[in-house]
Structures are given as structure tokens and as C-alpha cells.
C-alpha atoms as a PDB file:
ATOM      1  CA  MET A   1      47.840   6.842 -42.069  1.00  0.00           C
ATOM      2  CA  LYS A   2      47.136  10.032 -40.118  1.00  0.00           C
ATOM      3  CA  LYS A   3      43.533  10.033 -41.407  1.00  0.00           C
ATOM      4  CA  LYS A   4      43.024   6.423 -40.314  1.00  0.00           C
ATOM      5  CA  LEU A   5      44.389   7.197 -36.839  1.00  0.00           C
ATOM      6  CA  LEU A   6      41.977  10.131 -36.508  1.00  0.00           C
ATOM      7  CA  GLN A   7      39.057   7.942 -37.592  1.00  0.00           C
ATOM      8  CA  LEU A   8      40.072   5.261 -35.058  1.00  0.00           C
ATOM      9  CA  PHE A   9      40.334   7.856 -32.291  1.00  0.00           C
ATOM     10  CA  ALA A  10      36.901   9.234 -33.158  1.00  0.00           C
ATOM     11  CA  PHE A  11      35.390   5.736 -33.120  1.00  0.00           C
ATOM     12  CA  LEU A  12      36.933   4.946 -29.732  1.00  0.00           C
ATOM     13  CA  LEU A  13      35.700   8.269 -28.324  1.00  0.00           C
ATOM     14  CA  LEU A  14      32.147   7.644 -29.518  1.00  0.00           C
ATOM     15  CA  THR A  15      31.996   4.086 -28.198  1.00  0.00           C
ATOM     16  CA  SER A  16      33.506   5.212 -24.898  1.00  0.00           C
ATOM     17  CA  CYS A  17      30.841   7.913 -24.505  1.00  0.00           C
ATOM     18  CA  SER A  18      28.085   5.470 -25.416  1.00  0.00           C
ATOM     19  CA  SER A  19      29.267   2.944 -22.861  1.00  0.00           C
ATOM     20  CA  SER A  20      29.540   5.632 -20.187  1.00  0.00           C
ATOM     21  CA  ASN A  21      26.007   6.910 -20.830  1.00  0.00           C
ATOM     22  CA  ASP A  22      24.564   3.410 -20.631  1.00  0.00           C
ATOM     23  CA  ASN A  23      26.032   3.000 -17.143  1.00  0.00           C
ATOM     24  CA  ILE A  24      24.880   6.343 -15.738  1.00  0.00           C
ATOM     25  CA  GLU A  25      22.632   5.743 -12.738  1.00  0.00           C
ATOM     26  CA  GLU A  26      19.264   7.467 -12.680  1.00  0.00           C
ATOM     27  CA  THR A  27      18.812  10.392 -10.324  1.00  0.00           C
ATOM     28  CA  TYR A  28      15.772  10.157  -8.074  1.00  0.00           C
ATOM     29  CA  ILE A  29      13.933  12.844  -6.130  1.00  0.00           C
ATOM     30  CA  TYR A  30      12.361  11.511  -2.949  1.00  0.00           C
ATOM     31  CA  PRO A  31       9.416  13.256  -1.268  1.00  0.00           C
ATOM     32  CA  THR A  32       9.742  14.693   2.222  1.00  0.00           C
ATOM     33  CA  PHE A  33       7.015  15.680   4.642  1.00  0.00           C
ATOM     34  CA  GLY A  34       6.635  18.190   7.460  1.00  0.00           C
ATOM     35  CA  SER A  35       5.677  17.842  11.107  1.00  0.00           C
ATOM     36  CA  GLU A  36       3.028  15.453  12.392  1.00  0.00           C
ATOM     37  CA  ILE A  37      -0.568  16.700  12.734  1.00  0.00           C
ATOM     38  CA  ASN A  38      -3.285  14.901  14.690  1.00  0.00           C
ATOM     39  CA  VAL A  39      -6.395  14.023  12.681  1.00  0.00           C
ATOM     40  CA  THR A  40      -9.658  14.589  14.547  1.00  0.00           C
ATOM     41  CA  ILE A  41     -12.633  12.369  13.730  1.00  0.00           C
ATOM     42  CA  ASN A  42     -15.581  13.953  15.528  1.00  0.00           C
ATOM     43  CA  GLY A  43     -17.791  11.373  17.215  1.00  0.00           C
ATOM     44  CA  LEU A  44     -15.331   8.474  17.009  1.00  0.00           C
ATOM     45  CA  THR A  45     -14.816   6.630  20.303  1.00  0.00           C
ATOM     46  CA  PHE A  46     -12.614   3.676  19.249  1.00  0.00           C
ATOM     47  CA  ASP A  47      -9.380   2.897  17.399  1.00  0.00           C
ATOM     48  CA  ALA A  48      -8.869   4.037  13.805  1.00  0.00           C
ATOM     49  CA  MET A  49      -6.413   2.051  11.669  1.00  0.00           C
ATOM     50  CA  GLU A  50      -5.523   1.519   7.998  1.00  0.00           C
ATOM     51  CA  PRO A  51      -6.691   4.928   6.708  1.00  0.00           C
ATOM     52  CA  PHE A  52      -7.574   5.533   3.063  1.00  0.00           C
ATOM     53  CA  ILE A  53      -8.501   8.931   1.675  1.00  0.00           C
ATOM     54  CA  SER A  54     -10.880   8.788  -1.291  1.00  0.00           C
ATOM     55  CA  PRO A  55      -9.635  10.179  -4.630  1.00  0.00           C
ATOM     56  CA  ASP A  56     -11.991  13.174  -4.340  1.00  0.00           C
ATOM     57  CA  GLY A  57     -10.779  13.795  -0.777  1.00  0.00           C
ATOM     58  CA  ASN A  58     -14.288  13.807   0.706  1.00  0.00           C
ATOM     59  CA  TYR A  59     -14.200  10.477   2.539  1.00  0.00           C
ATOM     60  CA  LEU A  60     -11.798   8.977   5.051  1.00  0.00           C
ATOM     61  CA  PHE A  61     -12.138   5.187   5.252  1.00  0.00           C
ATOM     62  CA  PHE A  62     -10.599   3.158   8.081  1.00  0.00           C
ATOM     63  CA  ASN A  63     -11.113   0.049  10.186  1.00  0.00           C
ATOM     64  CA  ASN A  64     -11.264  -0.344  13.939  1.00  0.00           C
ATOM     65  CA  LYS A  65      -8.667  -2.347  15.841  1.00  0.00           C
ATOM     66  CA  ASN A  66      -7.203  -4.989  13.576  1.00  0.00           C
ATOM     67  CA  ASP A  67      -7.667  -7.944  15.930  1.00  0.00           C
ATOM     68  CA  GLY A  68      -9.271 -10.306  13.401  1.00  0.00           C
ATOM     69  CA  VAL A  69     -12.146 -10.925  15.808  1.00  0.00           C
ATOM     70  CA  ASN A  70     -14.490  -7.985  15.295  1.00  0.00           C
ATOM     71  CA  THR A  71     -12.728  -5.845  12.697  1.00  0.00           C
ATOM     72  CA  LYS A  72     -15.015  -3.704  10.525  1.00  0.00           C
ATOM     73  CA  LEU A  73     -14.788  -0.916   7.961  1.00  0.00           C
ATOM     74  CA  PHE A  74     -16.035   2.587   8.783  1.00  0.00           C
ATOM     75  CA  TYR A  75     -15.962   6.010   7.177  1.00  0.00           C
ATOM     76  CA  ALA A  76     -16.004   9.707   7.968  1.00  0.00           C
ATOM     77  CA  THR A  77     -16.697  12.806   5.883  1.00  0.00           C
ATOM     78  CA  LYS A  78     -14.300  15.716   5.455  1.00  0.00           C
ATOM     79  CA  ILE A  79     -14.573  19.072   7.201  1.00  0.00           C
ATOM     80  CA  ASN A  80     -10.986  20.058   6.432  1.00  0.00           C
ATOM     81  CA  ASP A  81      -7.692  18.223   5.857  1.00  0.00           C
ATOM     82  CA  SER A  82      -7.262  17.336   9.537  1.00  0.00           C
ATOM     83  CA  THR A  83     -10.896  17.182  10.693  1.00  0.00           C
ATOM     84  CA  PHE A  84     -13.577  14.657   9.732  1.00  0.00           C
ATOM     85  CA  THR A  85     -17.034  13.719  11.000  1.00  0.00           C
ATOM     86  CA  PHE A  86     -17.618  10.073  11.870  1.00  0.00           C
ATOM     87  CA  VAL A  87     -20.591   8.578  10.003  1.00  0.00           C
ATOM     88  CA  GLY A  88     -20.535   4.875  10.833  1.00  0.00           C
ATOM     89  CA  GLU A  89     -20.044   1.445   9.310  1.00  0.00           C
ATOM     90  CA  LEU A  90     -19.402   1.129   5.603  1.00  0.00           C
ATOM     91  CA  ILE A  91     -22.566  -0.632   4.492  1.00  0.00           C
ATOM     92  CA  GLY A  92     -22.054  -3.661   2.277  1.00  0.00           C
ATOM     93  CA  THR A  93     -18.576  -4.630   3.468  1.00  0.00           C
ATOM     94  CA  ASN A  94     -18.815  -5.995   7.007  1.00  0.00           C
ATOM     95  CA  GLN A  95     -19.523  -9.493   8.299  1.00  0.00           C
ATOM     96  CA  THR A  96     -21.736 -10.008  11.337  1.00  0.00           C
ATOM     97  CA  THR A  97     -20.569 -13.357  12.736  1.00  0.00           C
ATOM     98  CA  GLN A  98     -17.374 -13.424  14.822  1.00  0.00           C
ATOM     99  CA  PRO A  99     -14.520 -13.989  14.400  1.00  0.00           C
ATOM    100  CA  HIS A 100     -14.144 -11.843  11.319  1.00  0.00           C
ATOM    101  CA  LEU A 101     -12.002  -9.224   9.658  1.00  0.00           C
ATOM    102  CA  ASP A 102     -13.068  -6.660   7.067  1.00  0.00           C
ATOM    103  CA  ALA A 103     -10.357  -4.098   6.604  1.00  0.00           C
ATOM    104  CA  VAL A 104      -7.985  -2.115   4.367  1.00  0.00           C
ATOM    105  CA  ALA A 105     -10.187   0.121   2.224  1.00  0.00           C
ATOM    106  CA  ASP A 106      -9.059   1.055  -1.279  1.00  0.00           C
ATOM    107  CA  MET A 107     -10.769   2.803  -4.201  1.00  0.00           C
ATOM    108  CA  ASP A 108     -10.042   4.173  -7.673  1.00  0.00           C
ATOM    109  CA  SER A 109     -11.386   7.387  -9.208  1.00  0.00           C
ATOM    110  CA  SER A 110     -14.390   5.558 -10.731  1.00  0.00           C
ATOM    111  CA  GLY A 111     -15.668   4.343  -7.353  1.00  0.00           C
ATOM    112  CA  ASN A 112     -14.435   0.767  -7.717  1.00  0.00           C
ATOM    113  CA  PHE A 113     -13.891  -0.272  -4.104  1.00  0.00           C
ATOM    114  CA  TYR A 114     -11.606  -3.030  -2.734  1.00  0.00           C
ATOM    115  CA  TRP A 115     -11.095  -4.509   0.720  1.00  0.00           C
ATOM    116  CA  THR A 116      -9.657  -7.548   2.487  1.00  0.00           C
ATOM    117  CA  SER A 117     -12.035  -9.999   4.173  1.00  0.00           C
ATOM    118  CA  THR A 118     -11.629 -13.339   5.931  1.00  0.00           C
ATOM    119  CA  ARG A 119     -15.224 -14.454   5.268  1.00  0.00           C
ATOM    120  CA  ASN A 120     -15.542 -18.199   4.726  1.00  0.00           C
ATOM    121  CA  TYR A 121     -11.774 -18.684   5.075  1.00  0.00           C
ATOM    122  CA  PRO A 122     -10.216 -21.271   4.713  1.00  0.00           C
ATOM    123  CA  ASN A 123     -13.010 -22.840   2.648  1.00  0.00           C
ATOM    124  CA  GLU A 124     -12.500 -20.047   0.114  1.00  0.00           C
ATOM    125  CA  LEU A 125      -8.943 -18.749  -0.208  1.00  0.00           C
ATOM    126  CA  ASP A 126      -9.347 -15.725  -2.489  1.00  0.00           C
ATOM    127  CA  ASN A 127      -9.945 -13.081   0.169  1.00  0.00           C
ATOM    128  CA  LEU A 128      -9.729  -9.769  -1.713  1.00  0.00           C
ATOM    129  CA  PHE A 129     -13.178  -8.324  -2.447  1.00  0.00           C
ATOM    130  CA  TYR A 130     -14.498  -5.679  -4.841  1.00  0.00           C
ATOM    131  CA  GLY A 131     -17.638  -3.551  -5.100  1.00  0.00           C
ATOM    132  CA  THR A 132     -18.917  -0.135  -6.129  1.00  0.00           C
ATOM    133  CA  PHE A 133     -18.924   2.718  -3.618  1.00  0.00           C
ATOM    134  CA  ASN A 134     -21.636   5.356  -3.597  1.00  0.00           C
ATOM    135  CA  SER A 135     -22.573   7.630  -0.674  1.00  0.00           C
ATOM    136  CA  GLY A 136     -21.547   5.304   2.123  1.00  0.00           C
ATOM    137  CA  VAL A 137     -22.707   2.052   0.528  1.00  0.00           C
ATOM    138  CA  VAL A 138     -20.673  -0.617  -1.292  1.00  0.00           C
ATOM    139  CA  SER A 139     -22.801  -2.693  -3.691  1.00  0.00           C
ATOM    140  CA  ASN A 140     -22.322  -5.264  -6.457  1.00  0.00           C
ATOM    141  CA  THR A 141     -19.684  -7.043  -4.388  1.00  0.00           C
ATOM    142  CA  GLY A 142     -17.701 -10.186  -5.132  1.00  0.00           C
ATOM    143  CA  ARG A 143     -14.367 -11.947  -4.759  1.00  0.00           C
ATOM    144  CA  LEU A 144     -11.608 -10.524  -6.949  1.00  0.00           C
ATOM    145  CA  GLN A 145     -10.159 -13.195  -9.224  1.00  0.00           C
ATOM    146  CA  GLY A 146      -6.728 -13.551 -10.799  1.00  0.00           C
ATOM    147  CA  ASP A 147      -3.399 -15.342 -10.573  1.00  0.00           C
ATOM    148  CA  PHE A 148      -2.181 -12.988  -7.834  1.00  0.00           C
ATOM    149  CA  ASN A 149      -4.253 -15.195  -5.499  1.00  0.00           C
ATOM    150  CA  LEU A 150      -1.966 -18.015  -4.390  1.00  0.00           C
ATOM    151  CA  ASN A 151      -4.965 -20.168  -3.388  1.00  0.00           C
ATOM    152  CA  THR A 152      -2.750 -21.882  -0.825  1.00  0.00           C
ATOM    153  CA  PRO A 153      -3.800 -22.479   2.803  1.00  0.00           C
ATOM    154  CA  SER A 154      -2.150 -20.025   5.258  1.00  0.00           C
ATOM    155  CA  TRP A 155      -1.500 -17.477   2.450  1.00  0.00           C
ATOM    156  CA  LEU A 156      -3.711 -14.372   2.294  1.00  0.00           C
ATOM    157  CA  ILE A 157      -3.884 -11.082   0.447  1.00  0.00           C
ATOM    158  CA  MET A 158      -2.990  -9.033   3.517  1.00  0.00           C
ATOM    159  CA  ASP A 159      -2.970  -5.586   1.913  1.00  0.00           C
ATOM    160  CA  HIS A 160      -3.341  -3.900  -1.450  1.00  0.00           C
ATOM    161  CA  GLY A 161      -3.229  -0.566  -3.250  1.00  0.00           C
ATOM    162  CA  ILE A 162      -5.092   0.330  -6.433  1.00  0.00           C
ATOM    163  CA  SER A 163      -3.834   2.888  -8.959  1.00  0.00           C
ATOM    164  CA  ILE A 164      -6.138   5.882  -9.315  1.00  0.00           C
ATOM    165  CA  ASP A 165      -7.164   4.821 -12.831  1.00  0.00           C
ATOM    166  CA  GLY A 166      -8.003   1.345 -11.538  1.00  0.00           C
ATOM    167  CA  GLN A 167      -5.657  -0.432 -13.939  1.00  0.00           C
ATOM    168  CA  PHE A 168      -2.947  -1.690 -11.559  1.00  0.00           C
ATOM    169  CA  LEU A 169      -3.292  -3.560  -8.289  1.00  0.00           C
ATOM    170  CA  TYR A 170      -0.343  -3.554  -5.890  1.00  0.00           C
ATOM    171  CA  TYR A 171      -1.046  -6.679  -3.847  1.00  0.00           C
ATOM    172  CA  ASN A 172       0.630  -8.048  -0.732  1.00  0.00           C
ATOM    173  CA  ASN A 173       0.799 -11.834  -0.330  1.00  0.00           C
ATOM    174  CA  ALA A 174       1.423 -12.883   3.265  1.00  0.00           C
ATOM    175  CA  LYS A 175       1.887 -16.268   4.924  1.00  0.00           C
ATOM    176  CA  PHE A 176       0.397 -16.702   8.406  1.00  0.00           C
ATOM    177  CA  ASP A 177       1.324 -19.458  10.858  1.00  0.00           C
ATOM    178  CA  SER A 178       0.361 -18.644  14.440  1.00  0.00           C
ATOM    179  CA  THR A 179       2.424 -21.559  15.741  1.00  0.00           C
ATOM    180  CA  ASN A 180       5.701 -20.154  14.408  1.00  0.00           C
ATOM    181  CA  CYS A 181       5.112 -16.439  13.800  1.00  0.00           C
ATOM    182  CA  LEU A 182       3.514 -13.428  15.436  1.00  0.00           C
ATOM    183  CA  GLY A 183       1.994 -11.707  12.430  1.00  0.00           C
ATOM    184  CA  PRO A 184       3.005 -12.773   8.923  1.00  0.00           C
ATOM    185  CA  CYS A 185       5.912 -15.199   8.526  1.00  0.00           C
ATOM    186  CA  GLU A 186       6.837 -13.935   5.044  1.00  0.00           C
ATOM    187  CA  THR A 187       5.489 -11.494   2.483  1.00  0.00           C
ATOM    188  CA  THR A 188       5.947 -10.220  -1.053  1.00  0.00           C
ATOM    189  CA  ILE A 189       4.548  -7.247  -2.945  1.00  0.00           C
ATOM    190  CA  GLY A 190       3.522  -7.680  -6.583  1.00  0.00           C
ATOM    191  CA  ILE A 191       1.711  -5.817  -9.363  1.00  0.00           C
ATOM    192  CA  ALA A 192      -1.304  -7.132 -11.274  1.00  0.00           C
ATOM    193  CA  GLN A 193      -3.064  -5.497 -14.220  1.00  0.00           C
ATOM    194  CA  LYS A 194      -6.811  -5.235 -14.713  1.00  0.00           C
ATOM    195  CA  ILE A 195      -8.285  -7.743 -17.162  1.00  0.00           C
ATOM    196  CA  ASN A 196     -11.926  -6.880 -16.455  1.00  0.00           C
ATOM    197  CA  SER A 197     -14.049  -5.685 -13.529  1.00  0.00           C
ATOM    198  CA  THR A 198     -13.593  -8.960 -11.631  1.00  0.00           C
ATOM    199  CA  THR A 199     -10.076 -10.080 -12.588  1.00  0.00           C
ATOM    200  CA  PHE A 200      -6.471  -8.894 -12.316  1.00  0.00           C
ATOM    201  CA  ASN A 201      -3.435 -10.884 -13.476  1.00  0.00           C
ATOM    202  CA  ILE A 202       0.230 -10.460 -12.541  1.00  0.00           C
ATOM    203  CA  LEU A 203       2.350  -8.232 -14.774  1.00  0.00           C
ATOM    204  CA  ASP A 204       5.082 -10.149 -16.596  1.00  0.00           C
ATOM    205  CA  ASN A 205       7.719  -7.716 -15.291  1.00  0.00           C
ATOM    206  CA  SER A 206       6.301  -7.282 -11.792  1.00  0.00           C
ATOM    207  CA  ASP A 207       9.393  -8.797 -10.141  1.00  0.00           C
ATOM    208  CA  THR A 208      11.711  -6.523 -12.121  1.00  0.00           C
ATOM    209  CA  ILE A 209       9.750  -3.367 -11.289  1.00  0.00           C
ATOM    210  CA  LEU A 210       9.858  -4.234  -7.575  1.00  0.00           C
ATOM    211  CA  GLN A 211      13.324  -5.787  -7.389  1.00  0.00           C
ATOM    212  CA  ASN A 212      14.661  -2.995  -5.168  1.00  0.00           C
ATOM    213  CA  ILE A 213      11.726  -3.339  -2.763  1.00  0.00           C
ATOM    214  CA  ASN A 214      11.130  -7.040  -2.117  1.00  0.00           C
ATOM    215  CA  ASP A 215      13.795  -8.287   0.280  1.00  0.00           C
ATOM    216  CA  PRO A 216      13.437 -11.631   2.115  1.00  0.00           C
ATOM    217  CA  ASN A 217      14.867 -10.032   5.253  1.00  0.00           C
ATOM    218  CA  TYR A 218      11.754  -7.847   5.697  1.00  0.00           C
ATOM    219  CA  ILE A 219       8.029  -8.177   6.231  1.00  0.00           C
ATOM    220  CA  TYR A 220       6.114  -5.843   3.897  1.00  0.00           C
ATOM    221  CA  TYR A 221       2.553  -4.602   3.871  1.00  0.00           C
ATOM    222  CA  ALA A 222       0.210  -1.636   3.228  1.00  0.00           C
ATOM    223  CA  PRO A 223       1.309  -0.612  -0.295  1.00  0.00           C
ATOM    224  CA  CYS A 224      -0.013   2.692  -1.636  1.00  0.00           C
ATOM    225  CA  ILE A 225       0.735   3.954  -5.160  1.00  0.00           C
ATOM    226  CA  SER A 226       0.647   7.701  -5.854  1.00  0.00           C
ATOM    227  CA  SER A 227      -1.769   9.177  -8.394  1.00  0.00           C
ATOM    228  CA  ASN A 228       1.051   9.715 -10.918  1.00  0.00           C
ATOM    229  CA  ASN A 229       2.258   6.096 -10.463  1.00  0.00           C
ATOM    230  CA  LEU A 230       5.780   7.324  -9.614  1.00  0.00           C
ATOM    231  CA  GLU A 231       5.842   6.885  -5.819  1.00  0.00           C
ATOM    232  CA  LEU A 232       5.183   3.641  -3.933  1.00  0.00           C
ATOM    233  CA  TYR A 233       4.629   3.882  -0.179  1.00  0.00           C
ATOM    234  CA  TYR A 234       4.487   0.905   2.191  1.00  0.00           C
ATOM    235  CA  THR A 235       5.314  -0.359   5.698  1.00  0.00           C
ATOM    236  CA  ARG A 236       8.060  -2.805   6.621  1.00  0.00           C
ATOM    237  CA  TYR A 237       9.973  -4.291   9.547  1.00  0.00           C
ATOM    238  CA  LEU A 238      12.827  -6.758   9.855  1.00  0.00           C
ATOM    239  CA  LYS A 239      11.733 -10.380   9.770  1.00  0.00           C
ATOM    240  CA  GLY A 240      12.088 -12.273  13.023  1.00  0.00           C
ATOM    241  CA  THR A 241      10.627 -12.331  16.496  1.00  0.00           C
ATOM    242  CA  ILE A 242       8.737  -9.108  17.228  1.00  0.00           C
ATOM    243  CA  THR A 243       9.957  -7.485  20.436  1.00  0.00           C
ATOM    244  CA  GLU A 244       9.558  -4.081  22.086  1.00  0.00           C
ATOM    245  CA  ASN A 245      12.630  -3.003  20.108  1.00  0.00           C
ATOM    246  CA  THR A 246      11.247  -3.964  16.680  1.00  0.00           C
ATOM    247  CA  ILE A 247      11.261  -0.909  14.419  1.00  0.00           C
ATOM    248  CA  PHE A 248       8.407  -0.327  11.981  1.00  0.00           C
ATOM    249  CA  GLU A 249       9.144   1.906   8.990  1.00  0.00           C
ATOM    250  CA  ILE A 250       7.015   3.758   6.471  1.00  0.00           C
ATOM    251  CA  CYS A 251       9.072   3.791   3.278  1.00  0.00           C
ATOM    252  CA  VAL A 252       8.832   5.260  -0.201  1.00  0.00           C
ATOM    253  CA  ALA A 253      10.418   4.134  -3.459  1.00  0.00           C
ATOM    254  CA  VAL A 254      10.264   6.314  -6.562  1.00  0.00           C
ATOM    255  CA  ARG A 255      10.777   6.110 -10.318  1.00  0.00           C
ATOM    256  CA  ASN A 256      10.986   8.578 -13.192  1.00  0.00           C
ATOM    257  CA  THR A 257       8.523   6.912 -15.564  1.00  0.00           C
ATOM    258  CA  ALA A 258       5.361   4.943 -14.872  1.00  0.00           C
ATOM    259  CA  THR A 259       6.741   1.767 -16.457  1.00  0.00           C
ATOM    260  CA  SER A 260      10.279   1.645 -15.046  1.00  0.00           C
ATOM    261  CA  LYS A 261      11.483  -0.136 -11.910  1.00  0.00           C
ATOM    262  CA  PHE A 262      11.327   1.558  -8.535  1.00  0.00           C
ATOM    263  CA  SER A 263      14.391   2.937  -6.790  1.00  0.00           C
ATOM    264  CA  ILE A 264      15.987   1.696  -3.601  1.00  0.00           C
ATOM    265  CA  PRO A 265      13.499   2.734  -0.883  1.00  0.00           C
ATOM    266  CA  ARG A 266      13.978   5.556   1.578  1.00  0.00           C
ATOM    267  CA  VAL A 267      12.599   5.545   5.133  1.00  0.00           C
ATOM    268  CA  LEU A 268      10.153   8.406   5.793  1.00  0.00           C
ATOM    269  CA  LEU A 269       9.000   7.531   9.317  1.00  0.00           C
ATOM    270  CA  SER A 270      10.102   4.945  11.863  1.00  0.00           C
ATOM    271  CA  GLU A 271       8.979   3.997  15.361  1.00  0.00           C
ATOM    272  CA  SER A 272       9.292   1.072  17.740  1.00  0.00           C
ATOM    273  CA  ILE A 273       6.228  -1.098  18.228  1.00  0.00           C
ATOM    274  CA  SER A 274       5.121   0.905  21.293  1.00  0.00           C
ATOM    275  CA  ASN A 275       4.551   3.925  19.009  1.00  0.00           C
ATOM    276  CA  LEU A 276       3.772   1.853  15.929  1.00  0.00           C
ATOM    277  CA  VAL A 277       3.444   3.729  12.598  1.00  0.00           C
ATOM    278  CA  GLU A 278       1.761   1.981   9.660  1.00  0.00           C
ATOM    279  CA  ALA A 279      -0.398   2.148   6.570  1.00  0.00           C
ATOM    280  CA  PRO A 280       0.387   5.297   4.560  1.00  0.00           C
ATOM    281  CA  THR A 281      -2.177   6.777   2.168  1.00  0.00           C
ATOM    282  CA  LEU A 282      -1.698   9.779  -0.096  1.00  0.00           C
ATOM    283  CA  THR A 283      -4.115  12.415  -1.354  1.00  0.00           C
ATOM    284  CA  THR A 284      -4.642  12.630  -5.106  1.00  0.00           C
ATOM    285  CA  ASP A 285      -2.661  15.882  -5.323  1.00  0.00           C
ATOM    286  CA  MET A 286       0.134  14.113  -3.369  1.00  0.00           C
ATOM    287  CA  LYS A 287       0.338  17.009  -0.890  1.00  0.00           C
ATOM    288  CA  ILE A 288      -0.737  15.101   2.247  1.00  0.00           C
ATOM    289  CA  ILE A 289       0.180  11.712   3.669  1.00  0.00           C
ATOM    290  CA  TYR A 290      -2.121  10.035   6.225  1.00  0.00           C
ATOM    291  CA  TYR A 291      -1.165   7.040   8.401  1.00  0.00           C
ATOM    292  CA  HIS A 292      -2.026   5.544  11.765  1.00  0.00           C
ATOM    293  CA  LYS A 293       0.066   5.553  14.896  1.00  0.00           C
ATOM    294  CA  LYS A 294      -0.189   3.873  18.277  1.00  0.00           C
ATOM    295  CA  ILE A 295      -0.577   6.312  21.190  1.00  0.00           C
ATOM    296  CA  LEU A 296      -0.923   4.808  24.688  1.00  0.00           C
ATOM    297  CA  ASP A 297      -2.373   1.555  23.313  1.00  0.00           C
ATOM    298  CA  THR A 298      -4.861   3.389  21.069  1.00  0.00           C
ATOM    299  CA  HIS A 299      -4.436   3.618  17.300  1.00  0.00           C
ATOM    300  CA  LYS A 300      -5.102   7.064  15.845  1.00  0.00           C
ATOM    301  CA  ILE A 301      -4.755   8.686  12.433  1.00  0.00           C
ATOM    302  CA  PHE A 302      -2.193  11.404  11.749  1.00  0.00           C
ATOM    303  CA  MET A 303      -1.156  13.434   8.716  1.00  0.00           C
ATOM    304  CA  ARG A 304       1.785  15.417   7.360  1.00  0.00           C
ATOM    305  CA  HIS A 305       2.029  18.033   4.607  1.00  0.00           C
ATOM    306  CA  ARG A 306       4.481  17.497   1.781  1.00  0.00           C
ATOM    307  CA  ASN A 307       7.433  19.885   1.837  1.00  0.00           C
END
């Protein structure tokens, strides 16, 4: 009898430990960044928004004021981390007939380039474009296909972020209705996987991976995935009427493996709309974050070093 009691005790102890381990919450380490540094773009005389730093760090892509009337993509070349030289328009990406919007540059380590464009909308609803970047020119362009496109009037791919290996697209679906909303009325972030050079399809577990991020109470945009696929940066604000008190936040969510779900997000930066902060982008070594900020009605690019 004593032996049986000892065996029962051992069994209960083992099952108790197993149950406890299964319920242990993961521990996450969130990045932090230092003080704000102004980014100088020599020769630039207009607004700079939606920055993207190329994987090799040599090019800074951005668009001018995002008014949807005469919005174009531009680029500058690196002098040092906080100083660039303005070159001009990004050839191969911009429309010429107003109103138009070509914005939100994105590129993987192989030079596959992506951007958002409203050309021929609403006749054609798939508005995310691809091409190949080389020395200031984007060629071999086309519309990116896949089931991440809702192909529904008033819904657009507002923003996107490509993984450095080009295999995963973090897309941002947004519904626009100027009668009822200033800016997007609702948004979601999803993940699509590369099928071929012209097509991405939604991951089966996209919703699960992003379940701690997508919240119907917020508007989301400007996703950026780190080079190790463990940190997801984006911008958000509370859904509702935008006022002078609306707070815009740059957030980060993290995970411990490249296939697991992301953590509950943490706010890195926040400002009211008068000093709007948006659109984070990270260097390949993950040591610098760039973003744009509104200063006296002009949008400028800033950076911070990782602590």
C-alpha cells in the first residue's frame, strides 16, 4: 500500500508540474530607443514623410506631403546615419496626372521594391505595386496580386512592410469613406506569404499571429517588420473623430520565434496630432529607428538609436 501511495504521489507531482509549465507565460524583451535626432536631407525643400531605409543603408526613400493630390516618391543617398543628400524623384514609380498618390516605399534585400499607388482607382482595385530597384530607378513594375487584396470599392492597401528576405508581406487593409470618416474608417493588419514574384497569399494563421495587435478600437497603419522577424513596428490611434487631442502612437510588438504570435504591443512614442509621429522604419542591424514627425505644419524625418 505504501508503494502505491508513493507512486500516486509521484504521478500527481509530475502532472501538476506539466500543467504548470504549459500555463507559464512567455517573457518578452521590448526594444527601447534613445533621444530624438533630426535627420538632415541636404537640398530638400519640401515635406518628407513615410521614410524607408534600404536594407544596405545607402538609400533613404520617402514621399512628399501625403495629400493624395500630388504625392510622389523620392530618395536620398547616405552621408552618415543622420545626414543624406537629396537626389530627386524615384524614377518608374510616380504618376504625372493629378490627383494621384504614389507613396510608402518598401524593399527587400534582393531589390524587390513595393509601393502604394492610386493609379486608375477605382477602375482597378489592387493598388499595391512591385518592381525592381537599381540605382534610383524602379523597373519591371506591375500590380501585386493575391488574396490579401479585398477587391472591394472603398478598401485600399494603405500601407505594407516586406520582410528582408522578401517572403512575408505585412499588409494594411483600410476602408475609406470621406462622407463619414476623416482618414480610414477601419483597418486591419495581416500577413501574406510569397507565392511567386507577382503574388502573395494570406497565411493560414495570420489572424492568430496578430491577435494581440488587431483591435477594432484602433486604426492601424505603417507596419514594419525587423530583419530578424521578431519585432513588428506600426502606428495606431483610437478610432473615432480626429481632434486636436487625438494621440498617435508608434508601437512595437515582439515574439521569441519567427513563427509564433506577437506579444501585446508596447508604445514607443506618442504625440498629439499637432506633433504627429508616424511611419517607423528600422535599419537592418536594428540599431536605428527612423520615422516622420510634424513640426510647425511641416513633416520631417527623425531618428533614434537603440539603447
